[in-house]
Every structure is written in structure tokens, then in C-alpha cells.
C-alpha atoms as a PDB file:
ATOM      1  CA  UNK A   1       0.001   0.004   0.000  1.00  0.00           C
ATOM      2  CA  UNK A   2       2.382   2.707   1.161  1.00  0.00           C
ATOM      3  CA  UNK A   3       5.004   1.939  -1.475  1.00  0.00           C
ATOM      4  CA  UNK A   4       2.296   1.903  -4.140  1.00  0.00           C
ATOM      5  CA  UNK A   5       1.037   5.335  -3.012  1.00  0.00           C
ATOM      6  CA  UNK A   6       4.621   6.627  -2.863  1.00  0.00           C
ATOM      7  CA  UNK A   7       5.201   5.261  -6.331  1.00  0.00           C
ATOM      8  CA  UNK A   8       2.080   6.997  -7.600  1.00  0.00           C
ATOM      9  CA  UNK A   9       3.140  10.211  -5.875  1.00  0.00           C
ATOM     10  CA  UNK A  10       6.561   9.951  -7.494  1.00  0.00           C
ATOM     11  CA  UNK A  11       5.036   9.428 -10.896  1.00  0.00           C
ATOM     12  CA  UNK A  12       2.554  12.245 -10.165  1.00  0.00           C
ATOM     13  CA  UNK A  13       5.488  14.511  -9.160  1.00  0.00           C
ATOM     14  CA  UNK A  14       7.343  13.531 -12.337  1.00  0.00           C
ATOM     15  CA  UNK A  15       4.188  14.264 -14.330  1.00  0.00           C
ATOM     16  CA  UNK A  16       3.725  17.659 -12.658  1.00  0.00           C
ATOM     17  CA  UNK A  17       7.429  18.494 -13.111  1.00  0.00           C
ATOM     18  CA  UNK A  18       7.137  17.544 -16.757  1.00  0.00           C
ATOM     19  CA  UNK A  19       3.965  19.646 -17.120  1.00  0.00           C
ATOM     20  CA  UNK A  20       5.685  22.533 -15.306  1.00  0.00           C
ATOM     21  CA  UNK A  21       8.679  22.311 -17.657  1.00  0.00           C
ATOM     22  CA  UNK A  22       6.307  22.335 -20.630  1.00  0.00           C
ATOM     23  CA  UNK A  23       4.519  25.367 -19.216  1.00  0.00           C
ATOM     24  CA  UNK A  24       7.861  27.093 -18.670  1.00  0.00           C
ATOM     25  CA  UNK A  25       8.828  26.261 -22.288  1.00  0.00           C
ATOM     26  CA  UNK A  26       5.509  27.641 -23.601  1.00  0.00           C
ATOM     27  CA  UNK A  27       5.891  30.726 -21.400  1.00  0.00           C
ATOM     28  CA  UNK A  28       9.457  31.254 -22.701  1.00  0.00           C
ATOM     29  CA  UNK A  29       8.209  30.915 -26.308  1.00  0.00           C
ATOM     30  CA  UNK A  30       5.399  33.341 -25.493  1.00  0.00           C
ATOM     31  CA  UNK A  31       7.924  35.873 -24.110  1.00  0.00           C
ATOM     32  CA  UNK A  32      10.038  35.481 -27.263  1.00  0.00           C
ATOM     33  CA  UNK A  33       6.914  36.090 -29.350  1.00  0.00           C
ATOM     34  CA  UNK A  34       6.139  39.186 -27.260  1.00  0.00           C
ATOM     35  CA  UNK A  35       9.701  40.486 -27.804  1.00  0.00           C
ATOM     36  CA  UNK A  36       9.447  39.738 -31.542  1.00  0.00           C
ATOM     37  CA  UNK A  37       6.092  41.511 -31.700  1.00  0.00           C
ATOM     38  CA  UNK A  38       7.529  44.548 -29.871  1.00  0.00           C
ATOM     39  CA  UNK A  39      10.406  44.622 -32.354  1.00  0.00           C
ATOM     40  CA  UNK A  40       7.974  44.410 -35.264  1.00  0.00           C
ATOM     41  CA  UNK A  41       5.842  47.195 -33.769  1.00  0.00           C
ATOM     42  CA  UNK A  42       8.962  49.404 -33.511  1.00  0.00           C
ATOM     43  CA  UNK A  43       9.892  48.598 -37.111  1.00  0.00           C
ATOM     44  CA  UNK A  44       6.329  49.363 -38.207  1.00  0.00           C
ATOM     45  CA  UNK A  45       6.410  52.711 -36.360  1.00  0.00           C
ATOM     46  CA  UNK A  46       9.731  53.555 -38.076  1.00  0.00           C
ATOM     47  CA  UNK A  47       8.340  52.536 -41.469  1.00  0.00           C
ATOM     48  CA  UNK A  48       5.251  54.719 -40.885  1.00  0.00           C
ATOM     49  CA  UNK A  49       7.496  57.620 -39.935  1.00  0.00           C
ATOM     50  CA  UNK A  50       9.597  57.105 -43.079  1.00  0.00           C
ATOM     51  CA  UNK A  51       6.417  56.872 -45.154  1.00  0.00           C
ATOM     52  CA  UNK A  52       5.193  60.203 -43.713  1.00  0.00           C
ATOM     53  CA  UNK A  53       8.574  61.814 -44.479  1.00  0.00           C
ATOM     54  CA  UNK A  54       8.429  60.481 -48.047  1.00  0.00           C
ATOM     55  CA  UNK A  55       4.864  61.791 -48.457  1.00  0.00           C
ATOM     56  CA  UNK A  56       6.017  65.235 -47.230  1.00  0.00           C
ATOM     57  CA  UNK A  57       8.950  65.097 -49.655  1.00  0.00           C
ATOM     58  CA  UNK A  58       6.652  64.138 -52.528  1.00  0.00           C
ATOM     59  CA  UNK A  59       4.291  66.985 -51.604  1.00  0.00           C
ATOM     60  CA  UNK A  60       7.175  69.497 -51.542  1.00  0.00           C
ATOM     61  CA  UNK A  61       8.445  68.222 -54.892  1.00  0.00           C
ATOM     62  CA  UNK A  62       4.926  68.503 -56.368  1.00  0.00           C
ATOM     63  CA  UNK A  63       4.595  72.069 -55.013  1.00  0.00           C
ATOM     64  CA  UNK A  64       7.987  72.961 -56.539  1.00  0.00           C
ATOM     65  CA  UNK A  65       6.932  71.393 -59.839  1.00  0.00           C
ATOM     66  CA  UNK A  66       3.679  73.400 -59.772  1.00  0.00           C
ATOM     67  CA  UNK A  67       5.608  76.627 -59.038  1.00  0.00           C
ATOM     68  CA  UNK A  68       8.039  75.832 -61.884  1.00  0.00           C
ATOM     69  CA  UNK A  69       5.131  75.215 -64.255  1.00  0.00           C
ATOM     70  CA  UNK A  70       3.526  78.544 -63.274  1.00  0.00           C
ATOM     71  CA  UNK A  71       6.884  80.306 -63.650  1.00  0.00           C
ATOM     72  CA  UNK A  72       7.364  78.772 -67.108  1.00  0.00           C
ATOM     73  CA  UNK A  73       3.893  79.947 -68.182  1.00  0.00           C
ATOM     74  CA  UNK A  74       4.601  83.446 -66.832  1.00  0.00           C
ATOM     75  CA  UNK A  75       7.957  83.497 -68.658  1.00  0.00           C
ATOM     76  CA  UNK A  76       6.224  82.538 -71.899  1.00  0.00           C
ATOM     77  CA  UNK A  77       3.645  85.321 -71.399  1.00  0.00           C
ATOM     78  CA  UNK A  78       6.424  87.844 -70.735  1.00  0.00           C
ATOM     79  CA  UNK A  79       8.383  86.663 -73.801  1.00  0.00           C
ATOM     80  CA  UNK A  80       5.235  87.158 -75.946  1.00  0.00           C
ATOM     81  CA  UNK A  81       4.734  90.659 -74.470  1.00  0.00           C
ATOM     82  CA  UNK A  82       8.402  91.445 -75.143  1.00  0.00           C
ATOM     83  CA  UNK A  83       8.076  90.282 -78.753  1.00  0.00           C
ATOM     84  CA  UNK A  84       4.968  92.513 -79.197  1.00  0.00           C
ATOM     85  CA  UNK A  85       6.836  95.411 -77.614  1.00  0.00           C
ATOM     86  CA  UNK A  86       9.845  94.863 -79.934  1.00  0.00           C
ATOM     87  CA  UNK A  87       7.538  94.842 -82.982  1.00  0.00           C
ATOM     88  CA  UNK A  88       5.849  98.024 -81.762  1.00  0.00           C
ATOM     89  CA  UNK A  89       9.223  99.713 -81.147  1.00  0.00           C
ATOM     90  CA  UNK A  90      10.454  98.750 -84.620  1.00  0.00           C
ATOM     91  CA  UNK A  91       7.337 100.179 -86.283  1.00  0.00           C
ATOM     92  CA  UNK A  92       7.632 103.394 -84.180  1.00  0.00           C
ATOM     93  CA  UNK A  93      11.318 103.698 -85.110  1.00  0.00           C
ATOM     94  CA  UNK A  94      10.337 103.313 -88.801  1.00  0.00           C
ATOM     95  CA  UNK A  95       7.751 106.093 -88.376  1.00  0.00           C
ATOM     96  CA  UNK A  96      10.356 108.356 -86.730  1.00  0.00           C
ATOM     97  CA  UNK A  97      12.765 107.783 -89.671  1.00  0.00           C
ATOM     98  CA  UNK A  98      10.016 108.562 -92.191  1.00  0.00           C
ATOM     99  CA  UNK A  99       9.056 111.752 -90.291  1.00  0.00           C
ATOM    100  CA  UNK A 100      12.698 112.853 -90.015  1.00  0.00           C
ATOM    101  CA  UNK A 101      13.143 112.352 -93.778  1.00  0.00           C
ATOM    102  CA  UNK A 102       9.969 114.404 -94.429  1.00  0.00           C
ATOM    103  CA  UNK A 103      11.232 117.118 -92.060  1.00  0.00           C
ATOM    104  CA  UNK A 104      14.580 117.288 -93.942  1.00  0.00           C
ATOM    105  CA  UNK A 105      12.760 117.544 -97.288  1.00  0.00           C
ATOM    106  CA  UNK A 106      10.617 120.393 -95.890  1.00  0.00           C
ATOM    107  CA  UNK A 107      13.674 122.145 -94.476  1.00  0.00           C
ATOM    108  CA  UNK A 108      15.495 121.780 -97.815  1.00  0.00           C
ATOM    109  CA  UNK A 109      12.407 123.031 -99.653  1.00  0.00           C
ATOM    110  CA  UNK A 110      12.042 126.003 -97.252  1.00  0.00           C
ATOM    111  CA  UNK A 111      15.747 126.830 -97.624  1.00  0.00           C
ATOM    112  CA  UNK A 112      15.560 126.845-101.421  1.00  0.00           C
ATOM    113  CA  UNK A 113      12.323 128.879-101.295  1.00  0.00           C
ATOM    114  CA  UNK A 114      14.017 131.374 -98.946  1.00  0.00           C
ATOM    115  CA  UNK A 115      16.923 131.683-101.390  1.00  0.00           C
ATOM    116  CA  UNK A 116      14.441 132.211-104.226  1.00  0.00           C
ATOM    117  CA  UNK A 117      12.521 134.845-102.246  1.00  0.00           C
ATOM    118  CA  UNK A 118      15.758 136.618-101.307  1.00  0.00           C
ATOM    119  CA  UNK A 119      16.865 136.662-104.957  1.00  0.00           C
ATOM    120  CA  UNK A 120      13.433 137.954-106.036  1.00  0.00           C
ATOM    121  CA  UNK A 121      13.504 140.679-103.339  1.00  0.00           C
ATOM    122  CA  UNK A 122      16.987 141.706-104.442  1.00  0.00           C
ATOM    123  CA  UNK A 123      15.806 141.870-108.084  1.00  0.00           C
ATOM    124  CA  UNK A 124      12.775 143.949-107.101  1.00  0.00           C
ATOM    125  CA  UNK A 125      15.018 146.244-105.039  1.00  0.00           C
ATOM    126  CA  UNK A 126      17.349 146.697-108.050  1.00  0.00           C
ATOM    127  CA  UNK A 127      14.374 147.445-110.305  1.00  0.00           C
ATOM    128  CA  UNK A 128      13.079 150.066-107.870  1.00  0.00           C
ATOM    129  CA  UNK A 129      16.498 151.699-107.636  1.00  0.00           C
ATOM    130  CA  UNK A 130      16.831 151.775-111.392  1.00  0.00           C
ATOM    131  CA  UNK A 131      13.412 153.428-111.695  1.00  0.00           C
ATOM    132  CA  UNK A 132      14.353 156.246-109.381  1.00  0.00           C
END
């Protein structure tokens, strides 16, 4: 009787020790899993942070691209205005040359008329003197 019960107790203790070791093994694996999960959560947080930084970078690049596109359009508008202004200046310069040429012709014409008038006055003056 007593040996039998002791034998059962020994086998029960062995069983419980074995179960305890298994529980300790499962608990150790669970702790490893928890550590792995914490590591993965940290990596995920870092990835999310990098993703946010990349999104900000992309947004800044897009804003710069938009500004460059607007600047290019404005440059084109200004170049067109400059071309129109150049054309206008050329036509005004042509008009000034034409007017200056006309002015010279008038001045030449006036000068020759003045010479003619002077000669005529001198001739009239001579005639008057000869009559007296």
C-alpha cells in the first residue's frame, strides 16, 4: 500500500514536473513572441514615420513642380509681351525715320524757297533803284 502510493506520488510529481517544464517552455516561447512583436511594432512605427517623411517630400516636390510650371507659363507670357513690344518699337522707329526724312525735305524746300525769295526781293530792289 504505502510503497504503491509513494510510487504514484513519485510518478505524479514527475508528471507535474514535466507539465511545469512544458509550461515554462511555452511561457518562454510566448515571451520570445512578445519580444518579436515589440520589435515588429517598432519597425512598423519607423516605417510609418519614413512613409510620412516620403509623403512630405513628394508633396514638396509637387509644389515645386507646380511653381516651376507657373513660372514657365509666366515666362512665356512675358516673352510674348516682349516680342509685341519689340515689334511696336520697330514700327515706331520706322515712323520716326520717315518723319525725319519728311522734315529734312521740308527744311530743304524751305531753304531753297528762302533763297528764291531773297533773290526775287533783291531783283525787285534793283528794279526800284533803277526806276528812281
